[in-house]
PDB file of N, CA and C in Angstrom:
ATOM      1  N   MET A   1      -2.016 -30.306  31.966  1.00  0.00           N
ATOM      2  CA  MET A   1      -1.218 -29.448  31.129  1.00  0.00           C
ATOM      3  C   MET A   1      -1.843 -29.306  29.745  1.00  0.00           C
ATOM      4  N   ILE A   2      -2.219 -30.408  29.109  1.00  0.00           N
ATOM      5  CA  ILE A   2      -2.875 -30.346  27.783  1.00  0.00           C
ATOM      6  C   ILE A   2      -4.192 -29.603  27.883  1.00  0.00           C
ATOM      7  N   PHE A   3      -4.924 -29.819  28.975  1.00  0.00           N
ATOM      8  CA  PHE A   3      -6.201 -29.139  29.161  1.00  0.00           C
ATOM      9  C   PHE A   3      -6.030 -27.624  29.187  1.00  0.00           C
ATOM     10  N   LYS A   4      -4.990 -27.162  29.870  1.00  0.00           N
ATOM     11  CA  LYS A   4      -4.711 -25.719  29.949  1.00  0.00           C
ATOM     12  C   LYS A   4      -4.426 -25.144  28.571  1.00  0.00           C
ATOM     13  N   LYS A   5      -3.615 -25.849  27.763  1.00  0.00           N
ATOM     14  CA  LYS A   5      -3.272 -25.402  26.420  1.00  0.00           C
ATOM     15  C   LYS A   5      -4.527 -25.377  25.537  1.00  0.00           C
ATOM     16  N   LEU A   6      -5.351 -26.387  25.639  1.00  0.00           N
ATOM     17  CA  LEU A   6      -6.613 -26.449  24.875  1.00  0.00           C
ATOM     18  C   LEU A   6      -7.525 -25.308  25.277  1.00  0.00           C
ATOM     19  N   LEU A   7      -7.630 -25.048  26.556  1.00  0.00           N
ATOM     20  CA  LEU A   7      -8.453 -23.963  27.065  1.00  0.00           C
ATOM     21  C   LEU A   7      -7.945 -22.616  26.557  1.00  0.00           C
ATOM     22  N   ALA A   8      -6.641 -22.443  26.608  1.00  0.00           N
ATOM     23  CA  ALA A   8      -6.036 -21.184  26.129  1.00  0.00           C
ATOM     24  C   ALA A   8      -6.277 -20.983  24.639  1.00  0.00           C
ATOM     25  N   ALA A   9      -6.095 -22.042  23.857  1.00  0.00           N
ATOM     26  CA  ALA A   9      -6.341 -21.985  22.417  1.00  0.00           C
ATOM     27  C   ALA A   9      -7.813 -21.662  22.105  1.00  0.00           C
ATOM     28  N   THR A  10      -8.721 -22.259  22.848  1.00  0.00           N
ATOM     29  CA  THR A  10     -10.131 -21.999  22.660  1.00  0.00           C
ATOM     30  C   THR A  10     -10.461 -20.552  22.984  1.00  0.00           C
ATOM     31  N   ALA A  11      -9.893 -20.036  24.074  1.00  0.00           N
ATOM     32  CA  ALA A  11     -10.130 -18.656  24.446  1.00  0.00           C
ATOM     33  C   ALA A  11      -9.620 -17.694  23.392  1.00  0.00           C
ATOM     34  N   MET A  12      -8.463 -18.007  22.813  1.00  0.00           N
ATOM     35  CA  MET A  12      -7.907 -17.161  21.773  1.00  0.00           C
ATOM     36  C   MET A  12      -8.807 -17.154  20.541  1.00  0.00           C
ATOM     37  N   LEU A  13      -9.316 -18.287  20.151  1.00  0.00           N
ATOM     38  CA  LEU A  13     -10.200 -18.369  19.000  1.00  0.00           C
ATOM     39  C   LEU A  13     -11.487 -17.585  19.257  1.00  0.00           C
ATOM     40  N   VAL A  14     -12.028 -17.675  20.428  1.00  0.00           N
ATOM     41  CA  VAL A  14     -13.245 -16.931  20.780  1.00  0.00           C
ATOM     42  C   VAL A  14     -12.959 -15.418  20.724  1.00  0.00           C
ATOM     43  N   ALA A  15     -11.842 -15.035  21.243  1.00  0.00           N
ATOM     44  CA  ALA A  15     -11.474 -13.569  21.194  1.00  0.00           C
ATOM     45  C   ALA A  15     -11.331 -13.104  19.769  1.00  0.00           C
ATOM     46  N   MET A  16     -10.759 -13.876  18.911  1.00  0.00           N
ATOM     47  CA  MET A  16     -10.576 -13.505  17.521  1.00  0.00           C
ATOM     48  C   MET A  16     -11.915 -13.453  16.812  1.00  0.00           C
ATOM     49  N   ALA A  17     -12.779 -14.403  17.090  1.00  0.00           N
ATOM     50  CA  ALA A  17     -14.099 -14.449  16.446  1.00  0.00           C
ATOM     51  C   ALA A  17     -14.974 -13.277  16.883  1.00  0.00           C
ATOM     52  N   SER A  18     -14.779 -12.800  18.116  1.00  0.00           N
ATOM     53  CA  SER A  18     -15.597 -11.686  18.621  1.00  0.00           C
ATOM     54  C   SER A  18     -15.244 -10.401  17.898  1.00  0.00           C
ATOM     55  N   PHE A  19     -14.108 -10.289  17.248  1.00  0.00           N
ATOM     56  CA  PHE A  19     -13.737  -9.112  16.519  1.00  0.00           C
ATOM     57  C   PHE A  19     -13.847  -9.330  15.022  1.00  0.00           C
ATOM     58  N   ALA A  20     -14.664 -10.271  14.616  1.00  0.00           N
ATOM     59  CA  ALA A  20     -14.847 -10.536  13.191  1.00  0.00           C
ATOM     60  C   ALA A  20     -15.456  -9.306  12.553  1.00  0.00           C
ATOM     61  N   ALA A  21     -14.998  -8.952  11.363  1.00  0.00           N
ATOM     62  CA  ALA A  21     -15.508  -7.836  10.635  1.00  0.00           C
ATOM     63  C   ALA A  21     -16.970  -8.089  10.230  1.00  0.00           C
ATOM     64  N   VAL A  22     -17.739  -7.007  10.180  1.00  0.00           N
ATOM     65  CA  VAL A  22     -19.112  -7.072   9.759  1.00  0.00           C
ATOM     66  C   VAL A  22     -19.205  -6.168   8.524  1.00  0.00           C
ATOM     67  N   ASP A  23     -19.630  -6.762   7.408  1.00  0.00           N
ATOM     68  CA  ASP A  23     -19.798  -5.989   6.177  1.00  0.00           C
ATOM     69  C   ASP A  23     -21.164  -5.338   6.214  1.00  0.00           C
ATOM     70  N   VAL A  24     -21.242  -4.054   5.940  1.00  0.00           N
ATOM     71  CA  VAL A  24     -22.468  -3.301   6.010  1.00  0.00           C
ATOM     72  C   VAL A  24     -23.502  -3.795   5.021  1.00  0.00           C
ATOM     73  N   ASN A  25     -23.066  -4.444   3.928  1.00  0.00           N
ATOM     74  CA  ASN A  25     -23.985  -4.980   2.920  1.00  0.00           C
ATOM     75  C   ASN A  25     -24.483  -6.398   3.273  1.00  0.00           C
ATOM     76  N   LYS A  26     -23.895  -7.021   4.237  1.00  0.00           N
ATOM     77  CA  LYS A  26     -24.293  -8.388   4.573  1.00  0.00           C
ATOM     78  C   LYS A  26     -24.792  -8.584   5.989  1.00  0.00           C
ATOM     79  N   GLY A  27     -24.438  -7.680   6.898  1.00  0.00           N
ATOM     80  CA  GLY A  27     -24.734  -7.844   8.267  1.00  0.00           C
ATOM     81  C   GLY A  27     -26.245  -7.702   8.606  1.00  0.00           C
ATOM     82  N   THR A  28     -26.675  -8.449   9.578  1.00  0.00           N
ATOM     83  CA  THR A  28     -28.048  -8.327  10.072  1.00  0.00           C
ATOM     84  C   THR A  28     -28.092  -7.182  11.080  1.00  0.00           C
ATOM     85  N   ALA A  29     -29.277  -6.863  11.534  1.00  0.00           N
ATOM     86  CA  ALA A  29     -29.444  -5.806  12.552  1.00  0.00           C
ATOM     87  C   ALA A  29     -28.604  -6.171  13.780  1.00  0.00           C
ATOM     88  N   ALA A  30     -28.669  -7.449  14.161  1.00  0.00           N
ATOM     89  CA  ALA A  30     -27.885  -7.900  15.380  1.00  0.00           C
ATOM     90  C   ALA A  30     -26.395  -7.764  15.098  1.00  0.00           C
ATOM     91  N   ASP A  31     -25.930  -8.097  13.914  1.00  0.00           N
ATOM     92  CA  ASP A  31     -24.510  -7.969  13.575  1.00  0.00           C
ATOM     93  C   ASP A  31     -24.082  -6.492  13.668  1.00  0.00           C
ATOM     94  N   LEU A  32     -24.884  -5.633  13.090  1.00  0.00           N
ATOM     95  CA  LEU A  32     -24.554  -4.222  13.097  1.00  0.00           C
ATOM     96  C   LEU A  32     -24.594  -3.620  14.515  1.00  0.00           C
ATOM     97  N   ASP A  33     -25.579  -4.054  15.301  1.00  0.00           N
ATOM     98  CA  ASP A  33     -25.671  -3.610  16.692  1.00  0.00           C
ATOM     99  C   ASP A  33     -24.453  -4.044  17.527  1.00  0.00           C
ATOM    100  N   GLY A  34     -23.825  -5.118  17.075  1.00  0.00           N
ATOM    101  CA  GLY A  34     -22.646  -5.607  17.791  1.00  0.00           C
ATOM    102  C   GLY A  34     -21.406  -4.752  17.577  1.00  0.00           C
ATOM    103  N   ILE A  35     -21.452  -3.860  16.616  1.00  0.00           N
ATOM    104  CA  ILE A  35     -20.340  -2.945  16.383  1.00  0.00           C
ATOM    105  C   ILE A  35     -20.459  -1.787  17.325  1.00  0.00           C
ATOM    106  N   LYS A  36     -19.402  -1.520  18.106  1.00  0.00           N
ATOM    107  CA  LYS A  36     -19.445  -0.427  19.047  1.00  0.00           C
ATOM    108  C   LYS A  36     -19.614   0.893  18.266  1.00  0.00           C
ATOM    109  N   GLY A  37     -20.653   1.674  18.653  1.00  0.00           N
ATOM    110  CA  GLY A  37     -20.940   2.925  17.970  1.00  0.00           C
ATOM    111  C   GLY A  37     -22.157   2.813  17.057  1.00  0.00           C
ATOM    112  N   VAL A  38     -22.628   1.580  16.838  1.00  0.00           N
ATOM    113  CA  VAL A  38     -23.855   1.376  16.066  1.00  0.00           C
ATOM    114  C   VAL A  38     -24.904   0.890  17.013  1.00  0.00           C
ATOM    115  N   GLY A  39     -25.949   1.673  17.164  1.00  0.00           N
ATOM    116  CA  GLY A  39     -27.091   1.264  18.028  1.00  0.00           C
ATOM    117  C   GLY A  39     -28.272   0.875  17.147  1.00  0.00           C
ATOM    118  N   PRO A  40     -29.382   0.546  17.783  1.00  0.00           N
ATOM    119  CA  PRO A  40     -30.567   0.139  17.014  1.00  0.00           C
ATOM    120  C   PRO A  40     -31.062   1.157  15.978  1.00  0.00           C
ATOM    121  N   ALA A  41     -30.966   2.462  16.347  1.00  0.00           N
ATOM    122  CA  ALA A  41     -31.463   3.498  15.427  1.00  0.00           C
ATOM    123  C   ALA A  41     -30.563   3.532  14.171  1.00  0.00           C
ATOM    124  N   MET A  42     -29.235   3.483  14.383  1.00  0.00           N
ATOM    125  CA  MET A  42     -28.337   3.562  13.216  1.00  0.00           C
ATOM    126  C   MET A  42     -28.392   2.262  12.383  1.00  0.00           C
ATOM    127  N   SER A  43     -28.518   1.120  13.037  1.00  0.00           N
ATOM    128  CA  SER A  43     -28.656  -0.125  12.266  1.00  0.00           C
ATOM    129  C   SER A  43     -29.899  -0.100  11.428  1.00  0.00           C
ATOM    130  N   LYS A  44     -30.972   0.478  11.935  1.00  0.00           N
ATOM    131  CA  LYS A  44     -32.238   0.612  11.150  1.00  0.00           C
ATOM    132  C   LYS A  44     -31.993   1.524   9.960  1.00  0.00           C
ATOM    133  N   ARG A  45     -31.312   2.652  10.161  1.00  0.00           N
ATOM    134  CA  ARG A  45     -31.003   3.568   9.068  1.00  0.00           C
ATOM    135  C   ARG A  45     -30.176   2.863   8.005  1.00  0.00           C
ATOM    136  N   ILE A  46     -29.223   2.071   8.449  1.00  0.00           N
ATOM    137  CA  ILE A  46     -28.353   1.363   7.467  1.00  0.00           C
ATOM    138  C   ILE A  46     -29.178   0.339   6.692  1.00  0.00           C
ATOM    139  N   LEU A  47     -29.982  -0.423   7.399  1.00  0.00           N
ATOM    140  CA  LEU A  47     -30.799  -1.489   6.733  1.00  0.00           C
ATOM    141  C   LEU A  47     -31.828  -0.827   5.782  1.00  0.00           C
ATOM    142  N   ASP A  48     -32.439   0.274   6.199  1.00  0.00           N
ATOM    143  CA  ASP A  48     -33.394   0.980   5.349  1.00  0.00           C
ATOM    144  C   ASP A  48     -32.718   1.478   4.073  1.00  0.00           C
ATOM    145  N   ALA A  49     -31.551   2.085   4.196  1.00  0.00           N
ATOM    146  CA  ALA A  49     -30.820   2.565   3.047  1.00  0.00           C
ATOM    147  C   ALA A  49     -30.354   1.428   2.176  1.00  0.00           C
ATOM    148  N   ARG A  50     -30.029   0.299   2.765  1.00  0.00           N
ATOM    149  CA  ARG A  50     -29.564  -0.861   1.983  1.00  0.00           C
ATOM    150  C   ARG A  50     -30.667  -1.460   1.129  1.00  0.00           C
ATOM    151  N   LYS A  51     -31.921  -1.225   1.511  1.00  0.00           N
ATOM    152  CA  LYS A  51     -33.073  -1.717   0.703  1.00  0.00           C
ATOM    153  C   LYS A  51     -33.047  -1.059  -0.670  1.00  0.00           C
ATOM    154  N   GLU A  52     -32.513   0.140  -0.789  1.00  0.00           N
ATOM    155  CA  GLU A  52     -32.415   0.854  -2.060  1.00  0.00           C
ATOM    156  C   GLU A  52     -31.279   0.307  -2.935  1.00  0.00           C
ATOM    157  N   GLY A  53     -30.438  -0.537  -2.354  1.00  0.00           N
ATOM    158  CA  GLY A  53     -29.317  -1.110  -3.089  1.00  0.00           C
ATOM    159  C   GLY A  53     -28.115  -1.171  -2.169  1.00  0.00           C
ATOM    160  N   GLU A  54     -27.192  -2.079  -2.500  1.00  0.00           N
ATOM    161  CA  GLU A  54     -26.002  -2.220  -1.686  1.00  0.00           C
ATOM    162  C   GLU A  54     -25.160  -0.967  -1.738  1.00  0.00           C
ATOM    163  N   PHE A  55     -24.377  -0.752  -0.663  1.00  0.00           N
ATOM    164  CA  PHE A  55     -23.452   0.374  -0.650  1.00  0.00           C
ATOM    165  C   PHE A  55     -22.237   0.045  -1.480  1.00  0.00           C
ATOM    166  N   LYS A  56     -21.851   1.003  -2.362  1.00  0.00           N
ATOM    167  CA  LYS A  56     -20.707   0.774  -3.250  1.00  0.00           C
ATOM    168  C   LYS A  56     -19.393   0.901  -2.514  1.00  0.00           C
ATOM    169  N   ASP A  57     -19.334   1.907  -1.609  1.00  0.00           N
ATOM    170  CA  ASP A  57     -18.084   2.207  -0.928  1.00  0.00           C
ATOM    171  C   ASP A  57     -18.430   3.072   0.308  1.00  0.00           C
ATOM    172  N   TRP A  58     -17.397   3.439   1.064  1.00  0.00           N
ATOM    173  CA  TRP A  58     -17.613   4.275   2.230  1.00  0.00           C
ATOM    174  C   TRP A  58     -18.263   5.634   1.918  1.00  0.00           C
ATOM    175  N   PRO A  59     -17.824   6.347   0.880  1.00  0.00           N
ATOM    176  CA  PRO A  59     -18.506   7.606   0.561  1.00  0.00           C
ATOM    177  C   PRO A  59     -20.009   7.386   0.288  1.00  0.00           C
ATOM    178  N   ASP A  60     -20.387   6.311  -0.361  1.00  0.00           N
ATOM    179  CA  ASP A  60     -21.766   6.030  -0.629  1.00  0.00           C
ATOM    180  C   ASP A  60     -22.530   5.809   0.692  1.00  0.00           C
ATOM    181  N   LEU A  61     -21.916   5.050   1.620  1.00  0.00           N
ATOM    182  CA  LEU A  61     -22.537   4.834   2.936  1.00  0.00           C
ATOM    183  C   LEU A  61     -22.690   6.190   3.659  1.00  0.00           C
ATOM    184  N   MET A  62     -21.637   7.016   3.638  1.00  0.00           N
ATOM    185  CA  MET A  62     -21.707   8.282   4.351  1.00  0.00           C
ATOM    186  C   MET A  62     -22.726   9.228   3.759  1.00  0.00           C
ATOM    187  N   GLN A  63     -22.961   9.127   2.459  1.00  0.00           N
ATOM    188  CA  GLN A  63     -23.956   9.995   1.810  1.00  0.00           C
ATOM    189  C   GLN A  63     -25.369   9.535   2.128  1.00  0.00           C
ATOM    190  N   ARG A  64     -25.580   8.235   2.218  1.00  0.00           N
ATOM    191  CA  ARG A  64     -26.940   7.680   2.316  1.00  0.00           C
ATOM    192  C   ARG A  64     -27.407   7.435   3.745  1.00  0.00           C
ATOM    193  N   VAL A  65     -26.509   7.366   4.698  1.00  0.00           N
ATOM    194  CA  VAL A  65     -26.879   7.071   6.080  1.00  0.00           C
ATOM    195  C   VAL A  65     -26.618   8.278   6.979  1.00  0.00           C
ATOM    196  N   LYS A  66     -27.724   8.859   7.482  1.00  0.00           N
ATOM    197  CA  LYS A  66     -27.604  10.017   8.359  1.00  0.00           C
ATOM    198  C   LYS A  66     -26.794   9.670   9.609  1.00  0.00           C
ATOM    199  N   GLY A  67     -25.887  10.557   9.960  1.00  0.00           N
ATOM    200  CA  GLY A  67     -25.083  10.336  11.175  1.00  0.00           C
ATOM    201  C   GLY A  67     -23.755   9.674  10.919  1.00  0.00           C
ATOM    202  N   VAL A  68     -23.478   9.297   9.670  1.00  0.00           N
ATOM    203  CA  VAL A  68     -22.183   8.694   9.361  1.00  0.00           C
ATOM    204  C   VAL A  68     -21.404   9.696   8.479  1.00  0.00           C
ATOM    205  N   LYS A  69     -20.474  10.339   9.108  1.00  0.00           N
ATOM    206  CA  LYS A  69     -19.571  11.252   8.423  1.00  0.00           C
ATOM    207  C   LYS A  69     -18.171  10.697   8.560  1.00  0.00           C
ATOM    208  N   GLU A  70     -17.172  11.458   8.149  1.00  0.00           N
ATOM    209  CA  GLU A  70     -15.785  10.944   8.147  1.00  0.00           C
ATOM    210  C   GLU A  70     -15.316  10.441   9.507  1.00  0.00           C
ATOM    211  N   LYS A  71     -15.547  11.244  10.565  1.00  0.00           N
ATOM    212  CA  LYS A  71     -15.070  10.801  11.892  1.00  0.00           C
ATOM    213  C   LYS A  71     -15.744   9.545  12.369  1.00  0.00           C
ATOM    214  N   LYS A  72     -17.059   9.475  12.172  1.00  0.00           N
ATOM    215  CA  LYS A  72     -17.813   8.299  12.583  1.00  0.00           C
ATOM    216  C   LYS A  72     -17.420   7.069  11.737  1.00  0.00           C
ATOM    217  N   ALA A  73     -17.233   7.285  10.459  1.00  0.00           N
ATOM    218  CA  ALA A  73     -16.796   6.189   9.585  1.00  0.00           C
ATOM    219  C   ALA A  73     -15.491   5.611  10.036  1.00  0.00           C
ATOM    220  N   GLU A  74     -14.585   6.476  10.400  1.00  0.00           N
ATOM    221  CA  GLU A  74     -13.247   6.070  10.888  1.00  0.00           C
ATOM    222  C   GLU A  74     -13.364   5.196  12.168  1.00  0.00           C
ATOM    223  N   LYS A  75     -14.226   5.666  13.078  1.00  0.00           N
ATOM    224  CA  LYS A  75     -14.437   4.900  14.325  1.00  0.00           C
ATOM    225  C   LYS A  75     -15.103   3.570  14.051  1.00  0.00           C
ATOM    226  N   LEU A  76     -16.130   3.554  13.229  1.00  0.00           N
ATOM    227  CA  LEU A  76     -16.844   2.304  12.945  1.00  0.00           C
ATOM    228  C   LEU A  76     -15.929   1.325  12.237  1.00  0.00           C
ATOM    229  N   SER A  77     -15.115   1.806  11.334  1.00  0.00           N
ATOM    230  CA  SER A  77     -14.186   0.966  10.626  1.00  0.00           C
ATOM    231  C   SER A  77     -13.189   0.334  11.616  1.00  0.00           C
ATOM    232  N   GLY A  78     -12.737   1.153  12.562  1.00  0.00           N
ATOM    233  CA  GLY A  78     -11.815   0.663  13.594  1.00  0.00           C
ATOM    234  C   GLY A  78     -12.456  -0.402  14.487  1.00  0.00           C
ATOM    235  N   GLU A  79     -13.754  -0.386  14.593  1.00  0.00           N
ATOM    236  CA  GLU A  79     -14.468  -1.377  15.424  1.00  0.00           C
ATOM    237  C   GLU A  79     -14.844  -2.610  14.607  1.00  0.00           C
ATOM    238  N   GLY A  80     -14.554  -2.622  13.318  1.00  0.00           N
ATOM    239  CA  GLY A  80     -14.748  -3.848  12.515  1.00  0.00           C
ATOM    240  C   GLY A  80     -15.755  -3.731  11.413  1.00  0.00           C
ATOM    241  N   LEU A  81     -16.366  -2.538  11.164  1.00  0.00           N
ATOM    242  CA  LEU A  81     -17.315  -2.391  10.088  1.00  0.00           C
ATOM    243  C   LEU A  81     -16.577  -2.226   8.757  1.00  0.00           C
ATOM    244  N   THR A  82     -17.051  -2.903   7.742  1.00  0.00           N
ATOM    245  CA  THR A  82     -16.452  -2.757   6.405  1.00  0.00           C
ATOM    246  C   THR A  82     -17.556  -2.489   5.391  1.00  0.00           C
ATOM    247  N   VAL A  83     -17.156  -1.958   4.224  1.00  0.00           N
ATOM    248  CA  VAL A  83     -18.059  -1.780   3.106  1.00  0.00           C
ATOM    249  C   VAL A  83     -17.425  -2.581   1.957  1.00  0.00           C
ATOM    250  N   ASN A  84     -18.094  -3.621   1.518  1.00  0.00           N
ATOM    251  CA  ASN A  84     -17.569  -4.522   0.510  1.00  0.00           C
ATOM    252  C   ASN A  84     -16.185  -5.050   0.911  1.00  0.00           C
ATOM    253  N   GLY A  85     -16.015  -5.349   2.175  1.00  0.00           N
ATOM    254  CA  GLY A  85     -14.795  -5.949   2.676  1.00  0.00           C
ATOM    255  C   GLY A  85     -13.663  -4.952   2.919  1.00  0.00           C
ATOM    256  N   LYS A  86     -13.939  -3.655   2.685  1.00  0.00           N
ATOM    257  CA  LYS A  86     -12.862  -2.661   2.802  1.00  0.00           C
ATOM    258  C   LYS A  86     -13.084  -1.785   4.043  1.00  0.00           C
ATOM    259  N   THR A  87     -12.015  -1.471   4.725  1.00  0.00           N
ATOM    260  CA  THR A  87     -12.058  -0.538   5.835  1.00  0.00           C
ATOM    261  C   THR A  87     -12.051   0.875   5.329  1.00  0.00           C
ATOM    262  N   PHE A  88     -12.393   1.812   6.197  1.00  0.00           N
ATOM    263  CA  PHE A  88     -12.451   3.225   5.801  1.00  0.00           C
ATOM    264  C   PHE A  88     -11.022   3.706   5.532  1.00  0.00           C
ATOM    265  N   GLY A  89     -10.828   4.367   4.400  1.00  0.00           N
ATOM    266  CA  GLY A  89      -9.482   4.764   4.044  1.00  0.00           C
ATOM    267  C   GLY A  89      -9.204   6.247   4.131  1.00  0.00           C
ATOM    268  N   GLY A  90      -9.989   7.019   4.840  1.00  0.00           N
ATOM    269  CA  GLY A  90      -9.702   8.434   4.963  1.00  0.00           C
ATOM    270  C   GLY A  90     -10.725   9.301   4.260  1.00  0.00           C
ATOM    271  N   ALA A  91     -10.309  10.489   3.884  1.00  0.00           N
ATOM    272  CA  ALA A  91     -11.221  11.471   3.334  1.00  0.00           C
ATOM    273  C   ALA A  91     -12.006  10.957   2.156  1.00  0.00           C
ATOM    274  N   ALA A  92     -13.248  11.309   2.122  1.00  0.00           N
ATOM    275  CA  ALA A  92     -14.117  10.923   1.023  1.00  0.00           C
ATOM    276  C   ALA A  92     -13.816  11.802  -0.166  1.00  0.00           C
ATOM    277  N   PRO A  93     -13.749  11.219  -1.341  1.00  0.00           N
ATOM    278  CA  PRO A  93     -13.466  12.053  -2.523  1.00  0.00           C
ATOM    279  C   PRO A  93     -14.654  12.979  -2.799  1.00  0.00           C
ATOM    280  N   ALA A  94     -14.375  14.219  -3.174  1.00  0.00           N
ATOM    281  CA  ALA A  94     -15.468  15.140  -3.510  1.00  0.00           C
ATOM    282  C   ALA A  94     -16.120  14.695  -4.802  1.00  0.00           C
ATOM    283  N   GLU A  95     -17.425  14.748  -4.846  1.00  0.00           N
ATOM    284  CA  GLU A  95     -18.156  14.256  -6.027  1.00  0.00           C
ATOM    285  C   GLU A  95     -17.916  15.115  -7.254  1.00  0.00           C
ATOM    286  N   ALA A  96     -17.950  16.423  -7.102  1.00  0.00           N
ATOM    287  CA  ALA A  96     -17.895  17.288  -8.246  1.00  0.00           C
ATOM    288  C   ALA A  96     -16.465  17.780  -8.550  1.00  0.00           C
ATOM    289  N   LYS A  97     -15.504  17.133  -7.993  1.00  0.00           N
ATOM    290  CA  LYS A  97     -14.098  17.509  -8.164  1.00  0.00           C
ATOM    291  C   LYS A  97     -13.642  17.155  -9.585  1.00  0.00           C
ATOM    292  N   THR A  98     -13.075  18.099 -10.265  1.00  0.00           N
ATOM    293  CA  THR A  98     -12.542  17.812 -11.598  1.00  0.00           C
ATOM    294  C   THR A  98     -11.082  18.292 -11.584  1.00  0.00           C
ATOM    295  N   SER A  99     -10.273  17.580 -12.281  1.00  0.00           N
ATOM    296  CA  SER A  99      -8.885  17.957 -12.343  1.00  0.00           C
ATOM    297  C   SER A  99      -8.678  18.829 -13.589  1.00  0.00           C
ATOM    298  N   LYS A 100      -7.864  19.850 -13.475  1.00  0.00           N
ATOM    299  CA  LYS A 100      -7.558  20.741 -14.592  1.00  0.00           C
ATOM    300  C   LYS A 100      -6.486  20.087 -15.430  1.00  0.00           C
ATOM    301  N   PRO A 101      -6.614  20.218 -16.744  1.00  0.00           N
ATOM    302  CA  PRO A 101      -5.583  19.648 -17.576  1.00  0.00           C
ATOM    303  C   PRO A 101      -4.283  20.430 -17.396  1.00  0.00           C
ATOM    304  N   ALA A 102      -3.194  19.736 -17.476  1.00  0.00           N
ATOM    305  CA  ALA A 102      -1.872  20.407 -17.334  1.00  0.00           C
ATOM    306  C   ALA A 102      -1.647  21.341 -18.481  1.00  0.00           C
ATOM    307  N   LYS A 103      -1.054  22.491 -18.145  1.00  0.00           N
ATOM    308  CA  LYS A 103      -0.738  23.468 -19.210  1.00  0.00           C
ATOM    309  C   LYS A 103       0.471  23.019 -19.995  1.00  0.00           C
ATOM    310  N   ALA A 104       0.392  23.236 -21.284  1.00  0.00           N
ATOM    311  CA  ALA A 104       1.510  22.875 -22.134  1.00  0.00           C
ATOM    312  C   ALA A 104       2.664  23.812 -21.874  1.00  0.00           C
ATOM    313  N   ALA A 105       3.864  23.296 -21.956  1.00  0.00           N
ATOM    314  CA  ALA A 105       5.050  24.124 -21.740  1.00  0.00           C
ATOM    315  C   ALA A 105       5.225  25.016 -22.962  1.00  0.00           C
ATOM    316  N   LYS A 106       5.640  26.263 -22.698  1.00  0.00           N
ATOM    317  CA  LYS A 106       5.865  27.228 -23.790  1.00  0.00           C
ATOM    318  C   LYS A 106       7.194  26.937 -24.460  1.00  0.00           C
ATOM    319  N   PRO A 107       7.187  27.010 -25.770  1.00  0.00           N
ATOM    320  CA  PRO A 107       8.458  26.740 -26.524  1.00  0.00           C
ATOM    321  C   PRO A 107       9.510  27.816 -26.343  1.00  0.00           C
TER     322      PRO A 107
END
């Protein structure tokens, strides 16, 4: 009975460890390849881009790595990829977007 409980607990820990998040700034080629949707070609593009400096956020990753756009980022995030420990949070902010100042109310 104790053996079965120990075996079940060990299996649960292994299952949890297999879904450990991989940070794009820290992962090795093997770590990145372990993410469903990242193959050897994409992991090479990620590592090559990372040589220029760490990724600041998801929009930075999407801008610098060919083949990673919003849909792909969402899927990779769902599979456990993070950027600086953060999952993908939706639409990338537009770079040149400026907000217009509010108009003053007329007296």
